[in-house]
Amino acid sequence: MSTVAPSRAATSAATSPSPAPTDSVRRRLDWRIRFALLSTVWGFSFLLIKVGTGGFAPFQVTFGRLFFGTAVLAVAMVVRRDRLPRGIRTWMHLAVAAFLLNALPFSLFAYSELTIPSTLAGICNATSPLWGMVLSLVALSEDRPTRRRVAGLGIGFLGVLTVLGAWQGFSGLDFGGTAMALLASLSYPVGWIYVRRTLAGSSHSHLSLTGAQLLLATVQLAVVTPLFTTLPTSFPLLPLLAVLALGTLGTGFALLMQYGLVAEVGPTTAQMVTYFIPVIATAAGVAVLGEQLGWNTPVGALIVLAGAALTQSRPKAPAVTAAAAAQP
């Protein structure tokens, strides 16, 4: 799941026509409800991955997630009479985005949860803004570091070390699973930077681009999954329902809600969902799956979130500049 809301430059590649004034007023009344719902859905996604991998191979869980998520967006496109984008160049860029934002991180999280708790996977996901800052300083010339953002980066990675129990020599930690979860969180900002560089300014709607992206990710998993797995001999009900919910809710409807929030309240507010996901993932893992927590896990998670929040801070524009921009 991409929990880092795209920047304004990136989302310009996915701009849909402005809603009617009455629709805008109605939507603004309930965006907080949709924000809370999105946080909950993505927070529970890590629990659903854990349950899904209890009955199916990780690649099969990812394929099912993408298949059902694509189906939701396909229905939305039919209802809104939207079409898939045209142009081989656009599709090539979307294929890369599908790999970086969907196929790769979804698969890595599924494999990681074979050996680490869903709570740890959810906390690793919260490091995406930290990776995003590091990458943006290298790849985006307009993104300049500030003391506050650099401090946030240091604080965030201190939180990661706290979660992992560095002072104990990482005892009891599965390095492979943790590394895959962290790599999955790194894949999201890499994907968004790629989208920002290649698809910004596209005339296609966000629904069209996202639908095509998920379709391509599904095709990628359809090719990979048979090479590394065998057909399941049974379809246990609970894991099957988990994959179905993960695809329809955690991927399809969640992406629709995410892009709707970005378009309505802006990426800065929409990306705040990142800070609620690990809290919900941790609560779900403990309450439903009975996963155990040491004191360092919630404390480290709070430090990670504080650092991530600082890395996303931007200096306010001077009042004179804002006033000048408002002139006709």
C-alpha atoms as a PDB file:
ATOM      1  CA  MET A   1       0.000   0.000   0.000  1.00  0.00           C
ATOM      2  CA  SER A   2       1.291   3.352  -0.852  1.00  0.00           C
ATOM      3  CA  THR A   3       1.041   5.299   2.355  1.00  0.00           C
ATOM      4  CA  VAL A   4       2.982   8.311   1.205  1.00  0.00           C
ATOM      5  CA  ALA A   5       0.569  10.706  -0.436  1.00  0.00           C
ATOM      6  CA  PRO A   6       2.001  12.023  -3.710  1.00  0.00           C
ATOM      7  CA  SER A   7       3.278  15.545  -3.995  1.00  0.00           C
ATOM      8  CA  ARG A   8       1.368  18.188  -5.919  1.00  0.00           C
ATOM      9  CA  ALA A   9       3.714  17.741  -8.838  1.00  0.00           C
ATOM     10  CA  ALA A  10       3.108  14.030  -8.843  1.00  0.00           C
ATOM     11  CA  THR A  11      -0.625  14.308  -8.471  1.00  0.00           C
ATOM     12  CA  SER A  12      -0.830  16.658 -11.412  1.00  0.00           C
ATOM     13  CA  ALA A  13      -0.413  13.479 -13.394  1.00  0.00           C
ATOM     14  CA  ALA A  14      -3.691  12.324 -11.943  1.00  0.00           C
ATOM     15  CA  THR A  15      -5.952  15.315 -11.994  1.00  0.00           C
ATOM     16  CA  SER A  16      -9.635  14.779 -12.627  1.00  0.00           C
ATOM     17  CA  PRO A  17     -12.192  17.405 -13.579  1.00  0.00           C
ATOM     18  CA  SER A  18     -13.279  19.664 -10.733  1.00  0.00           C
ATOM     19  CA  PRO A  19     -16.524  18.592  -9.039  1.00  0.00           C
ATOM     20  CA  ALA A  20     -19.587  20.735  -9.083  1.00  0.00           C
ATOM     21  CA  PRO A  21     -19.806  23.287  -6.231  1.00  0.00           C
ATOM     22  CA  THR A  22     -22.568  21.369  -4.453  1.00  0.00           C
ATOM     23  CA  ASP A  23     -20.556  18.136  -4.658  1.00  0.00           C
ATOM     24  CA  SER A  24     -17.514  19.934  -3.297  1.00  0.00           C
ATOM     25  CA  VAL A  25     -19.432  21.232  -0.286  1.00  0.00           C
ATOM     26  CA  ARG A  26     -20.902  17.792   0.425  1.00  0.00           C
ATOM     27  CA  ARG A  27     -17.541  16.076   0.165  1.00  0.00           C
ATOM     28  CA  ARG A  28     -15.781  18.571   2.413  1.00  0.00           C
ATOM     29  CA  LEU A  29     -18.270  17.796   5.166  1.00  0.00           C
ATOM     30  CA  ASP A  30     -17.181  14.168   5.388  1.00  0.00           C
ATOM     31  CA  TRP A  31     -13.490  14.082   4.364  1.00  0.00           C
ATOM     32  CA  ARG A  32     -12.467  13.462   7.996  1.00  0.00           C
ATOM     33  CA  ILE A  33     -14.612  10.344   8.080  1.00  0.00           C
ATOM     34  CA  ARG A  34     -12.989   9.078   4.900  1.00  0.00           C
ATOM     35  CA  PHE A  35      -9.563   9.950   6.327  1.00  0.00           C
ATOM     36  CA  ALA A  36     -10.285   7.864   9.439  1.00  0.00           C
ATOM     37  CA  LEU A  37     -11.632   5.036   7.302  1.00  0.00           C
ATOM     38  CA  LEU A  38      -8.538   5.050   5.082  1.00  0.00           C
ATOM     39  CA  SER A  39      -6.268   4.964   8.143  1.00  0.00           C
ATOM     40  CA  THR A  40      -8.207   2.024   9.540  1.00  0.00           C
ATOM     41  CA  VAL A  41      -8.259   0.067   6.276  1.00  0.00           C
ATOM     42  CA  TRP A  42      -4.541   0.484   5.666  1.00  0.00           C
ATOM     43  CA  GLY A  43      -3.735  -0.175   9.314  1.00  0.00           C
ATOM     44  CA  PHE A  44      -5.604  -3.491   9.212  1.00  0.00           C
ATOM     45  CA  SER A  45      -3.954  -4.432   5.903  1.00  0.00           C
ATOM     46  CA  PHE A  46      -0.924  -5.806   7.739  1.00  0.00           C
ATOM     47  CA  LEU A  47      -3.157  -8.078   9.799  1.00  0.00           C
ATOM     48  CA  LEU A  48      -4.897  -9.235   6.618  1.00  0.00           C
ATOM     49  CA  ILE A  49      -1.534 -10.002   4.990  1.00  0.00           C
ATOM     50  CA  LYS A  50      -0.575 -12.096   8.008  1.00  0.00           C
ATOM     51  CA  VAL A  51      -3.835 -14.047   7.876  1.00  0.00           C
ATOM     52  CA  GLY A  52      -3.597 -14.448   4.096  1.00  0.00           C
ATOM     53  CA  THR A  53      -0.081 -15.883   4.206  1.00  0.00           C
ATOM     54  CA  GLY A  54      -1.356 -18.418   6.711  1.00  0.00           C
ATOM     55  CA  GLY A  55      -3.159 -20.202   3.862  1.00  0.00           C
ATOM     56  CA  PHE A  56      -1.460 -19.069   0.657  1.00  0.00           C
ATOM     57  CA  ALA A  57       2.032 -18.341  -0.625  1.00  0.00           C
ATOM     58  CA  PRO A  58       3.092 -14.668  -0.433  1.00  0.00           C
ATOM     59  CA  PHE A  59       3.046 -14.217  -4.219  1.00  0.00           C
ATOM     60  CA  GLN A  60      -0.460 -15.695  -4.296  1.00  0.00           C
ATOM     61  CA  VAL A  61      -1.606 -13.261  -1.614  1.00  0.00           C
ATOM     62  CA  THR A  62      -0.156 -10.371  -3.614  1.00  0.00           C
ATOM     63  CA  PHE A  63      -1.701 -11.570  -6.865  1.00  0.00           C
ATOM     64  CA  GLY A  64      -5.123 -11.938  -5.238  1.00  0.00           C
ATOM     65  CA  ARG A  65      -4.797  -8.511  -3.665  1.00  0.00           C
ATOM     66  CA  LEU A  66      -3.955  -6.890  -6.999  1.00  0.00           C
ATOM     67  CA  PHE A  67      -6.617  -8.851  -8.899  1.00  0.00           C
ATOM     68  CA  PHE A  68      -9.452  -7.827  -6.583  1.00  0.00           C
ATOM     69  CA  GLY A  69      -8.131  -4.269  -6.299  1.00  0.00           C
ATOM     70  CA  THR A  70      -8.035  -3.938 -10.081  1.00  0.00           C
ATOM     71  CA  ALA A  71     -11.589  -5.252 -10.269  1.00  0.00           C
ATOM     72  CA  VAL A  72     -12.780  -2.463  -7.946  1.00  0.00           C
ATOM     73  CA  LEU A  73     -11.110   0.221 -10.058  1.00  0.00           C
ATOM     74  CA  ALA A  74     -12.452  -1.353 -13.258  1.00  0.00           C
ATOM     75  CA  VAL A  75     -16.002  -1.066 -11.894  1.00  0.00           C
ATOM     76  CA  ALA A  76     -15.322   2.551 -10.886  1.00  0.00           C
ATOM     77  CA  MET A  77     -14.068   3.332 -14.390  1.00  0.00           C
ATOM     78  CA  VAL A  78     -17.182   1.838 -15.952  1.00  0.00           C
ATOM     79  CA  VAL A  79     -19.445   3.803 -13.614  1.00  0.00           C
ATOM     80  CA  ARG A  80     -17.601   7.058 -14.317  1.00  0.00           C
ATOM     81  CA  ARG A  81     -17.242   6.244 -18.026  1.00  0.00           C
ATOM     82  CA  ASP A  82     -13.508   6.696 -17.847  1.00  0.00           C
ATOM     83  CA  ARG A  83     -11.060   5.029 -20.233  1.00  0.00           C
ATOM     84  CA  LEU A  84      -7.611   3.550 -19.913  1.00  0.00           C
ATOM     85  CA  PRO A  85      -4.785   5.886 -20.963  1.00  0.00           C
ATOM     86  CA  ARG A  86      -3.382   5.790 -24.460  1.00  0.00           C
ATOM     87  CA  GLY A  87       0.176   5.920 -25.726  1.00  0.00           C
ATOM     88  CA  ILE A  88       2.923   3.310 -25.461  1.00  0.00           C
ATOM     89  CA  ARG A  89       5.179   5.736 -23.576  1.00  0.00           C
ATOM     90  CA  THR A  90       2.573   6.275 -20.871  1.00  0.00           C
ATOM     91  CA  TRP A  91       2.046   2.541 -20.499  1.00  0.00           C
ATOM     92  CA  MET A  92       5.792   1.922 -20.223  1.00  0.00           C
ATOM     93  CA  HIS A  93       6.072   4.486 -17.426  1.00  0.00           C
ATOM     94  CA  LEU A  94       3.025   3.000 -15.713  1.00  0.00           C
ATOM     95  CA  ALA A  95       4.598  -0.473 -15.888  1.00  0.00           C
ATOM     96  CA  VAL A  96       7.594   0.805 -13.923  1.00  0.00           C
ATOM     97  CA  ALA A  97       5.287   2.598 -11.462  1.00  0.00           C
ATOM     98  CA  ALA A  98       3.235  -0.592 -11.067  1.00  0.00           C
ATOM     99  CA  PHE A  99       6.357  -2.527 -10.125  1.00  0.00           C
ATOM    100  CA  LEU A 100       7.711   0.067  -7.672  1.00  0.00           C
ATOM    101  CA  LEU A 101       4.418   1.084  -6.048  1.00  0.00           C
ATOM    102  CA  ASN A 102       2.479  -2.171  -6.098  1.00  0.00           C
ATOM    103  CA  ALA A 103       4.049  -5.440  -7.229  1.00  0.00           C
ATOM    104  CA  LEU A 104       7.368  -5.071  -5.381  1.00  0.00           C
ATOM    105  CA  PRO A 105       6.294  -3.599  -2.013  1.00  0.00           C
ATOM    106  CA  PHE A 106       3.160  -5.733  -1.750  1.00  0.00           C
ATOM    107  CA  SER A 107       5.221  -8.887  -2.353  1.00  0.00           C
ATOM    108  CA  LEU A 108       7.972  -7.835   0.056  1.00  0.00           C
ATOM    109  CA  PHE A 109       5.502  -7.147   2.845  1.00  0.00           C
ATOM    110  CA  ALA A 110       3.818 -10.502   2.244  1.00  0.00           C
ATOM    111  CA  TYR A 111       7.142 -12.348   2.431  1.00  0.00           C
ATOM    112  CA  SER A 112       8.312 -10.332   5.437  1.00  0.00           C
ATOM    113  CA  GLU A 113       5.271 -11.315   7.477  1.00  0.00           C
ATOM    114  CA  LEU A 114       6.209 -14.961   7.206  1.00  0.00           C
ATOM    115  CA  THR A 115       8.876 -14.274   9.822  1.00  0.00           C
ATOM    116  CA  ILE A 116       8.051 -10.963  11.542  1.00  0.00           C
ATOM    117  CA  PRO A 117       4.901  -9.759  13.354  1.00  0.00           C
ATOM    118  CA  SER A 118       2.368  -7.653  11.496  1.00  0.00           C
ATOM    119  CA  THR A 119       2.991  -4.924  14.080  1.00  0.00           C
ATOM    120  CA  LEU A 120       6.654  -4.631  13.062  1.00  0.00           C
ATOM    121  CA  ALA A 121       5.730  -4.622   9.373  1.00  0.00           C
ATOM    122  CA  GLY A 122       3.307  -1.748   9.988  1.00  0.00           C
ATOM    123  CA  ILE A 123       5.953   0.245  11.841  1.00  0.00           C
ATOM    124  CA  CYS A 124       8.517  -0.365   9.072  1.00  0.00           C
ATOM    125  CA  ASN A 125       5.966   1.015   6.627  1.00  0.00           C
ATOM    126  CA  ALA A 126       6.006   4.297   8.575  1.00  0.00           C
ATOM    127  CA  THR A 127       9.632   4.859   7.550  1.00  0.00           C
ATOM    128  CA  SER A 128       8.560   5.735   3.990  1.00  0.00           C
ATOM    129  CA  PRO A 129       8.657   9.510   4.632  1.00  0.00           C
ATOM    130  CA  LEU A 130      12.210   9.144   5.971  1.00  0.00           C
ATOM    131  CA  TRP A 131      13.368   7.294   2.869  1.00  0.00           C
ATOM    132  CA  GLY A 132      11.435   9.803   0.786  1.00  0.00           C
ATOM    133  CA  MET A 133      13.373  12.719   2.208  1.00  0.00           C
ATOM    134  CA  VAL A 134      16.740  11.069   1.614  1.00  0.00           C
ATOM    135  CA  LEU A 135      15.827  10.249  -1.976  1.00  0.00           C
ATOM    136  CA  SER A 136      14.264  13.629  -2.723  1.00  0.00           C
ATOM    137  CA  LEU A 137      17.438  15.426  -1.640  1.00  0.00           C
ATOM    138  CA  VAL A 138      19.328  13.363  -4.193  1.00  0.00           C
ATOM    139  CA  ALA A 139      16.817  13.126  -7.028  1.00  0.00           C
ATOM    140  CA  LEU A 140      14.819  16.363  -6.779  1.00  0.00           C
ATOM    141  CA  SER A 141      16.910  19.489  -7.122  1.00  0.00           C
ATOM    142  CA  GLU A 142      14.098  21.748  -5.860  1.00  0.00           C
ATOM    143  CA  ASP A 143      13.816  19.879  -2.557  1.00  0.00           C
ATOM    144  CA  ARG A 144      16.363  21.599  -0.305  1.00  0.00           C
ATOM    145  CA  PRO A 145      17.282  20.340   3.171  1.00  0.00           C
ATOM    146  CA  THR A 146      16.552  22.407   6.261  1.00  0.00           C
ATOM    147  CA  ARG A 147      17.806  21.970   9.803  1.00  0.00           C
ATOM    148  CA  ARG A 148      14.385  20.817  10.919  1.00  0.00           C
ATOM    149  CA  ARG A 149      14.095  18.208   8.182  1.00  0.00           C
ATOM    150  CA  VAL A 150      17.624  16.908   8.735  1.00  0.00           C
ATOM    151  CA  ALA A 151      16.884  16.687  12.472  1.00  0.00           C
ATOM    152  CA  GLY A 152      13.692  14.793  11.671  1.00  0.00           C
ATOM    153  CA  LEU A 153      15.678  12.339   9.553  1.00  0.00           C
ATOM    154  CA  GLY A 154      18.087  11.670  12.402  1.00  0.00           C
ATOM    155  CA  ILE A 155      15.272  11.331  14.941  1.00  0.00           C
ATOM    156  CA  GLY A 156      13.355   9.000  12.650  1.00  0.00           C
ATOM    157  CA  PHE A 157      16.208   6.581  12.171  1.00  0.00           C
ATOM    158  CA  LEU A 158      16.935   6.711  15.903  1.00  0.00           C
ATOM    159  CA  GLY A 159      13.344   5.517  16.296  1.00  0.00           C
ATOM    160  CA  VAL A 160      14.019   2.667  13.851  1.00  0.00           C
ATOM    161  CA  LEU A 161      16.993   1.551  15.944  1.00  0.00           C
ATOM    162  CA  THR A 162      14.788   1.738  19.046  1.00  0.00           C
ATOM    163  CA  VAL A 163      12.112  -0.450  17.449  1.00  0.00           C
ATOM    164  CA  LEU A 164      14.753  -2.983  16.401  1.00  0.00           C
ATOM    165  CA  GLY A 165      16.400  -3.025  19.848  1.00  0.00           C
ATOM    166  CA  ALA A 166      19.872  -2.033  18.651  1.00  0.00           C
ATOM    167  CA  TRP A 167      21.308  -1.845  22.216  1.00  0.00           C
ATOM    168  CA  GLN A 168      20.462  -5.535  22.646  1.00  0.00           C
ATOM    169  CA  GLY A 169      22.394  -6.500  19.529  1.00  0.00           C
ATOM    170  CA  PHE A 170      19.121  -7.005  17.608  1.00  0.00           C
ATOM    171  CA  SER A 171      18.572 -10.241  19.536  1.00  0.00           C
ATOM    172  CA  GLY A 172      15.505 -12.203  18.492  1.00  0.00           C
ATOM    173  CA  LEU A 173      15.090 -10.114  15.354  1.00  0.00           C
ATOM    174  CA  ASP A 174      14.616 -11.760  11.984  1.00  0.00           C
ATOM    175  CA  PHE A 175      16.930  -9.765   9.742  1.00  0.00           C
ATOM    176  CA  GLY A 176      15.538 -11.113   6.477  1.00  0.00           C
ATOM    177  CA  GLY A 177      11.919 -10.276   7.231  1.00  0.00           C
ATOM    178  CA  THR A 178      12.745  -6.880   8.699  1.00  0.00           C
ATOM    179  CA  ALA A 179      14.970  -5.989   5.749  1.00  0.00           C
ATOM    180  CA  MET A 180      12.202  -6.903   3.304  1.00  0.00           C
ATOM    181  CA  ALA A 181       9.691  -4.731   5.171  1.00  0.00           C
ATOM    182  CA  LEU A 182      12.093  -1.772   5.182  1.00  0.00           C
ATOM    183  CA  LEU A 183      12.868  -2.311   1.491  1.00  0.00           C
ATOM    184  CA  ALA A 184       9.130  -2.319   0.769  1.00  0.00           C
ATOM    185  CA  SER A 185       8.780   1.042   2.527  1.00  0.00           C
ATOM    186  CA  LEU A 186      11.702   2.370   0.479  1.00  0.00           C
ATOM    187  CA  SER A 187      10.058   1.277  -2.753  1.00  0.00           C
ATOM    188  CA  TYR A 188       7.128   3.700  -2.296  1.00  0.00           C
ATOM    189  CA  PRO A 189       9.091   6.991  -2.411  1.00  0.00           C
ATOM    190  CA  VAL A 190      11.218   5.618  -5.258  1.00  0.00           C
ATOM    191  CA  GLY A 191       8.013   4.994  -7.165  1.00  0.00           C
ATOM    192  CA  TRP A 192       6.555   8.420  -6.408  1.00  0.00           C
ATOM    193  CA  ILE A 193       9.740  10.168  -7.525  1.00  0.00           C
ATOM    194  CA  TYR A 194       9.601   8.181 -10.749  1.00  0.00           C
ATOM    195  CA  VAL A 195       5.946   9.121 -11.259  1.00  0.00           C
ATOM    196  CA  ARG A 196       6.752  12.754 -10.532  1.00  0.00           C
ATOM    197  CA  ARG A 197       9.510  12.772 -13.143  1.00  0.00           C
ATOM    198  CA  THR A 198       7.675  10.883 -15.879  1.00  0.00           C
ATOM    199  CA  LEU A 199       3.899  11.271 -15.566  1.00  0.00           C
ATOM    200  CA  ALA A 200       3.438  14.760 -14.088  1.00  0.00           C
ATOM    201  CA  GLY A 201       1.287  16.848 -16.408  1.00  0.00           C
ATOM    202  CA  SER A 202      -0.529  13.900 -17.969  1.00  0.00           C
ATOM    203  CA  SER A 203      -3.999  14.726 -19.266  1.00  0.00           C
ATOM    204  CA  HIS A 204      -5.422  11.405 -18.069  1.00  0.00           C
ATOM    205  CA  SER A 205      -7.527  11.231 -14.923  1.00  0.00           C
ATOM    206  CA  HIS A 206      -6.123   9.759 -11.717  1.00  0.00           C
ATOM    207  CA  LEU A 207      -8.640   6.921 -11.968  1.00  0.00           C
ATOM    208  CA  SER A 208      -7.463   6.058 -15.470  1.00  0.00           C
ATOM    209  CA  LEU A 209      -3.791   6.067 -14.506  1.00  0.00           C
ATOM    210  CA  THR A 210      -4.309   4.163 -11.273  1.00  0.00           C
ATOM    211  CA  GLY A 211      -6.521   1.569 -12.945  1.00  0.00           C
ATOM    212  CA  ALA A 212      -3.907   0.977 -15.635  1.00  0.00           C
ATOM    213  CA  GLN A 213      -1.151   0.837 -13.020  1.00  0.00           C
ATOM    214  CA  LEU A 214      -2.928  -1.827 -10.960  1.00  0.00           C
ATOM    215  CA  LEU A 215      -3.780  -3.771 -14.105  1.00  0.00           C
ATOM    216  CA  LEU A 216      -0.115  -3.866 -15.081  1.00  0.00           C
ATOM    217  CA  ALA A 217       0.905  -4.896 -11.565  1.00  0.00           C
ATOM    218  CA  THR A 218      -1.630  -7.727 -11.716  1.00  0.00           C
ATOM    219  CA  VAL A 219      -0.169  -8.889 -15.033  1.00  0.00           C
ATOM    220  CA  GLN A 220       3.331  -8.782 -13.540  1.00  0.00           C
ATOM    221  CA  LEU A 221       2.249 -11.004 -10.635  1.00  0.00           C
ATOM    222  CA  ALA A 222       0.313 -13.278 -12.988  1.00  0.00           C
ATOM    223  CA  VAL A 223       3.610 -13.969 -14.766  1.00  0.00           C
ATOM    224  CA  VAL A 224       5.766 -14.306 -11.645  1.00  0.00           C
ATOM    225  CA  THR A 225       3.448 -16.282  -9.346  1.00  0.00           C
ATOM    226  CA  PRO A 226       3.321 -19.567 -11.375  1.00  0.00           C
ATOM    227  CA  LEU A 227       7.128 -19.553 -11.606  1.00  0.00           C
ATOM    228  CA  PHE A 228       7.633 -19.609  -7.833  1.00  0.00           C
ATOM    229  CA  THR A 229       4.480 -21.262  -6.486  1.00  0.00           C
ATOM    230  CA  THR A 230       2.216 -24.189  -7.214  1.00  0.00           C
ATOM    231  CA  LEU A 231      -1.556 -24.074  -7.376  1.00  0.00           C
ATOM    232  CA  PRO A 232      -3.058 -24.284  -3.884  1.00  0.00           C
ATOM    233  CA  THR A 233      -4.617 -27.630  -3.089  1.00  0.00           C
ATOM    234  CA  SER A 234      -7.234 -25.994  -0.887  1.00  0.00           C
ATOM    235  CA  PHE A 235      -8.771 -22.603  -0.317  1.00  0.00           C
ATOM    236  CA  PRO A 236      -9.178 -22.105   3.443  1.00  0.00           C
ATOM    237  CA  LEU A 237     -12.011 -19.696   4.122  1.00  0.00           C
ATOM    238  CA  LEU A 238     -10.376 -17.248   6.531  1.00  0.00           C
ATOM    239  CA  PRO A 239      -7.198 -16.611   4.471  1.00  0.00           C
ATOM    240  CA  LEU A 240      -9.331 -16.365   1.344  1.00  0.00           C
ATOM    241  CA  LEU A 241     -11.570 -13.735   2.950  1.00  0.00           C
ATOM    242  CA  ALA A 242      -8.459 -11.887   4.140  1.00  0.00           C
ATOM    243  CA  VAL A 243      -7.071 -11.700   0.594  1.00  0.00           C
ATOM    244  CA  LEU A 244     -10.459 -10.612  -0.725  1.00  0.00           C
ATOM    245  CA  ALA A 245     -10.680  -7.824   1.865  1.00  0.00           C
ATOM    246  CA  LEU A 246      -7.057  -6.862   1.270  1.00  0.00           C
ATOM    247  CA  GLY A 247      -7.730  -6.437  -2.442  1.00  0.00           C
ATOM    248  CA  THR A 248     -11.155  -4.823  -2.465  1.00  0.00           C
ATOM    249  CA  LEU A 249     -10.760  -2.624   0.614  1.00  0.00           C
ATOM    250  CA  GLY A 250      -7.032  -2.261   1.277  1.00  0.00           C
ATOM    251  CA  THR A 251      -6.138  -1.711  -2.382  1.00  0.00           C
ATOM    252  CA  GLY A 252      -9.114  -0.811  -4.581  1.00  0.00           C
ATOM    253  CA  PHE A 253     -11.294   1.351  -2.349  1.00  0.00           C
ATOM    254  CA  ALA A 254      -8.279   2.639  -0.399  1.00  0.00           C
ATOM    255  CA  LEU A 255      -6.633   4.015  -3.542  1.00  0.00           C
ATOM    256  CA  LEU A 256      -9.873   5.673  -4.571  1.00  0.00           C
ATOM    257  CA  MET A 257     -10.149   7.276  -1.147  1.00  0.00           C
ATOM    258  CA  GLN A 258      -6.490   8.320  -1.105  1.00  0.00           C
ATOM    259  CA  TYR A 259      -6.584  10.114  -4.432  1.00  0.00           C
ATOM    260  CA  GLY A 260      -9.923  11.661  -3.561  1.00  0.00           C
ATOM    261  CA  LEU A 261      -8.454  13.063  -0.349  1.00  0.00           C
ATOM    262  CA  VAL A 262      -5.372  14.392  -2.140  1.00  0.00           C
ATOM    263  CA  ALA A 263      -7.558  16.166  -4.684  1.00  0.00           C
ATOM    264  CA  GLU A 264      -9.865  17.543  -1.994  1.00  0.00           C
ATOM    265  CA  VAL A 265      -7.669  18.561   0.944  1.00  0.00           C
ATOM    266  CA  GLY A 266      -4.209  18.461  -0.641  1.00  0.00           C
ATOM    267  CA  PRO A 267      -1.274  16.053  -0.283  1.00  0.00           C
ATOM    268  CA  THR A 268       0.018  17.566   2.967  1.00  0.00           C
ATOM    269  CA  THR A 269      -3.145  16.748   4.878  1.00  0.00           C
ATOM    270  CA  ALA A 270      -3.775  13.481   3.045  1.00  0.00           C
ATOM    271  CA  GLN A 271      -0.295  12.135   3.798  1.00  0.00           C
ATOM    272  CA  MET A 272      -0.973  12.479   7.526  1.00  0.00           C
ATOM    273  CA  VAL A 273      -2.651   9.074   7.201  1.00  0.00           C
ATOM    274  CA  THR A 274       0.896   7.675   7.340  1.00  0.00           C
ATOM    275  CA  TYR A 275       1.119   8.550  11.028  1.00  0.00           C
ATOM    276  CA  PHE A 276      -2.034   6.671  12.021  1.00  0.00           C
ATOM    277  CA  ILE A 277      -1.334   3.431  10.137  1.00  0.00           C
ATOM    278  CA  PRO A 278       1.323   1.979  12.507  1.00  0.00           C
ATOM    279  CA  VAL A 279      -0.834   2.784  15.527  1.00  0.00           C
ATOM    280  CA  ILE A 280      -3.785   0.892  14.062  1.00  0.00           C
ATOM    281  CA  ALA A 281      -1.572  -1.919  12.745  1.00  0.00           C
ATOM    282  CA  THR A 282      -0.054  -2.363  16.199  1.00  0.00           C
ATOM    283  CA  ALA A 283      -3.425  -2.328  17.958  1.00  0.00           C
ATOM    284  CA  ALA A 284      -4.841  -4.840  15.468  1.00  0.00           C
ATOM    285  CA  GLY A 285      -1.852  -7.165  15.745  1.00  0.00           C
ATOM    286  CA  VAL A 286      -1.973  -7.196  19.535  1.00  0.00           C
ATOM    287  CA  ALA A 287      -5.759  -7.364  19.956  1.00  0.00           C
ATOM    288  CA  VAL A 288      -6.637  -9.779  17.146  1.00  0.00           C
ATOM    289  CA  LEU A 289      -3.494 -11.848  16.549  1.00  0.00           C
ATOM    290  CA  GLY A 290      -2.166 -11.758  20.101  1.00  0.00           C
ATOM    291  CA  GLU A 291       1.258 -10.489  19.035  1.00  0.00           C
ATOM    292  CA  GLN A 292       3.590  -9.508  21.851  1.00  0.00           C
ATOM    293  CA  LEU A 293       5.152  -6.052  22.257  1.00  0.00           C
ATOM    294  CA  GLY A 294       8.231  -4.971  24.122  1.00  0.00           C
ATOM    295  CA  TRP A 295       8.361  -1.423  25.462  1.00  0.00           C
ATOM    296  CA  ASN A 296      10.775  -0.431  22.687  1.00  0.00           C
ATOM    297  CA  THR A 297       8.280  -1.146  19.886  1.00  0.00           C
ATOM    298  CA  PRO A 298       5.626   1.496  20.673  1.00  0.00           C
ATOM    299  CA  VAL A 299       8.233   3.963  21.976  1.00  0.00           C
ATOM    300  CA  GLY A 300      10.350   3.554  18.859  1.00  0.00           C
ATOM    301  CA  ALA A 301       7.269   3.864  16.665  1.00  0.00           C
ATOM    302  CA  LEU A 302       6.408   7.209  18.248  1.00  0.00           C
ATOM    303  CA  ILE A 303       9.977   8.428  17.649  1.00  0.00           C
ATOM    304  CA  VAL A 304       9.784   7.294  14.014  1.00  0.00           C
ATOM    305  CA  LEU A 305       6.508   9.159  13.514  1.00  0.00           C
ATOM    306  CA  ALA A 306       7.883  12.316  15.137  1.00  0.00           C
ATOM    307  CA  GLY A 307      10.908  12.237  12.873  1.00  0.00           C
ATOM    308  CA  ALA A 308       8.783  11.533   9.806  1.00  0.00           C
ATOM    309  CA  ALA A 309       6.543  14.489  10.638  1.00  0.00           C
ATOM    310  CA  LEU A 310       9.581  16.790  10.842  1.00  0.00           C
ATOM    311  CA  THR A 311      10.918  15.587   7.488  1.00  0.00           C
ATOM    312  CA  GLN A 312       7.614  16.563   5.873  1.00  0.00           C
ATOM    313  CA  SER A 313       7.662  20.114   7.250  1.00  0.00           C
ATOM    314  CA  ARG A 314       8.061  22.929   4.765  1.00  0.00           C
ATOM    315  CA  PRO A 315       8.891  26.591   5.405  1.00  0.00           C
ATOM    316  CA  LYS A 316       5.866  28.865   5.153  1.00  0.00           C
ATOM    317  CA  ALA A 317       5.786  31.241   2.234  1.00  0.00           C
ATOM    318  CA  PRO A 318       6.175  34.921   3.176  1.00  0.00           C
ATOM    319  CA  ALA A 319       2.894  36.811   3.449  1.00  0.00           C
ATOM    320  CA  VAL A 320       3.993  39.265   0.760  1.00  0.00           C
ATOM    321  CA  THR A 321       4.573  36.463  -1.704  1.00  0.00           C
ATOM    322  CA  ALA A 322       1.194  34.921  -0.954  1.00  0.00           C
ATOM    323  CA  ALA A 323      -0.520  38.252  -1.370  1.00  0.00           C
ATOM    324  CA  ALA A 324       1.249  38.893  -4.659  1.00  0.00           C
ATOM    325  CA  ALA A 325       0.208  35.497  -5.918  1.00  0.00           C
ATOM    326  CA  ALA A 326      -3.405  36.369  -5.226  1.00  0.00           C
ATOM    327  CA  GLN A 327      -3.304  39.391  -7.499  1.00  0.00           C
ATOM    328  CA  PRO A 328      -5.074  39.034 -10.889  1.00  0.00           C
END
